[in-house]
């Protein structure tokens, strides 16, 4: 499954909407996706969202879409 992760790039600053970024990751479930992000980055995870086929197709149209691998 593909998950969209929205996050803040720094855990030590107060979250601000203007700083929210997103990445896409493949994982078996949301728990594994969150674990991979926590173990491999310094990001402050805000939300983990599983993408269905239509949402994934929409996200893939963006120039910013890139599947991250750890």
Protein backbone atom coordinates (compact mmCIF):
# COMPACT_ATOMS: atom_id res chain seq x y z
CA UNK A 1 0.00 0.00 0.00
CA UNK A 2 1.07 3.57 -0.62
CA UNK A 3 0.80 6.11 2.19
CA UNK A 4 0.98 9.88 2.13
CA UNK A 5 2.83 11.23 5.14
CA UNK A 6 2.43 14.87 6.09
CA UNK A 7 5.15 16.13 8.38
CA UNK A 8 7.10 19.02 9.82
CA UNK A 9 10.81 18.89 8.94
CA UNK A 10 11.93 19.56 12.51
CA UNK A 11 10.69 17.95 15.75
CA UNK A 12 12.03 20.77 17.89
CA UNK A 13 10.03 23.69 16.49
CA UNK A 14 6.35 24.41 16.96
CA UNK A 15 4.36 23.06 13.98
CA UNK A 16 3.24 25.66 11.46
CA UNK A 17 0.96 24.98 8.52
CA UNK A 18 3.35 26.84 6.21
CA UNK A 19 6.11 24.32 7.00
CA UNK A 20 4.03 21.18 6.39
CA UNK A 21 5.53 18.92 3.73
CA UNK A 22 4.52 15.53 2.39
CA UNK A 23 6.15 12.37 1.17
CA UNK A 24 4.93 9.04 -0.14
CA UNK A 25 6.02 5.66 1.16
CA UNK A 26 5.14 2.03 0.51
CA UNK A 27 4.41 -0.06 3.59
CA UNK A 28 2.23 -2.96 4.71
CA UNK A 29 0.12 -0.76 7.01
CA UNK A 30 -0.01 2.68 8.65
CA UNK A 31 1.88 1.47 11.73
CA UNK A 32 4.81 0.28 9.63
CA UNK A 33 4.79 3.50 7.59
CA UNK A 34 4.98 5.60 10.77
CA UNK A 35 7.73 3.34 12.18
CA UNK A 36 9.83 3.71 9.01
CA UNK A 37 9.58 7.49 9.14
CA UNK A 38 10.36 7.64 12.86
CA UNK A 39 13.41 5.36 12.52
CA UNK A 40 14.89 6.97 9.40
CA UNK A 41 14.17 10.70 9.71
CA UNK A 42 14.02 13.56 12.18
CA UNK A 43 10.55 14.53 10.93
CA UNK A 44 7.61 15.33 13.16
CA UNK A 45 4.84 13.21 11.60
CA UNK A 46 1.46 14.92 11.51
CA UNK A 47 -0.70 12.48 9.58
CA UNK A 48 -0.42 9.09 7.86
CA UNK A 49 -3.00 8.55 5.11
CA UNK A 50 -3.51 5.40 3.06
CA UNK A 51 -4.15 6.28 -0.58
CA UNK A 52 -6.81 4.44 -2.53
CA UNK A 53 -6.44 3.98 -6.31
CA UNK A 54 -8.16 7.22 -7.32
CA UNK A 55 -6.33 9.35 -4.75
CA UNK A 56 -3.00 7.77 -5.72
CA UNK A 57 -3.68 8.49 -9.41
CA UNK A 58 -4.40 12.11 -8.52
CA UNK A 59 -1.25 12.46 -6.41
CA UNK A 60 0.89 10.90 -9.17
CA UNK A 61 -0.08 13.74 -11.50
CA UNK A 62 1.85 16.16 -9.29
CA UNK A 63 5.42 16.98 -10.24
CA UNK A 64 6.33 16.58 -6.53
CA UNK A 65 5.22 12.92 -6.37
CA UNK A 66 8.15 10.64 -5.55
CA UNK A 67 7.99 7.32 -3.71
CA UNK A 68 10.57 7.37 -0.88
CA UNK A 69 12.42 4.18 -0.03
CA UNK A 70 14.30 3.42 3.20
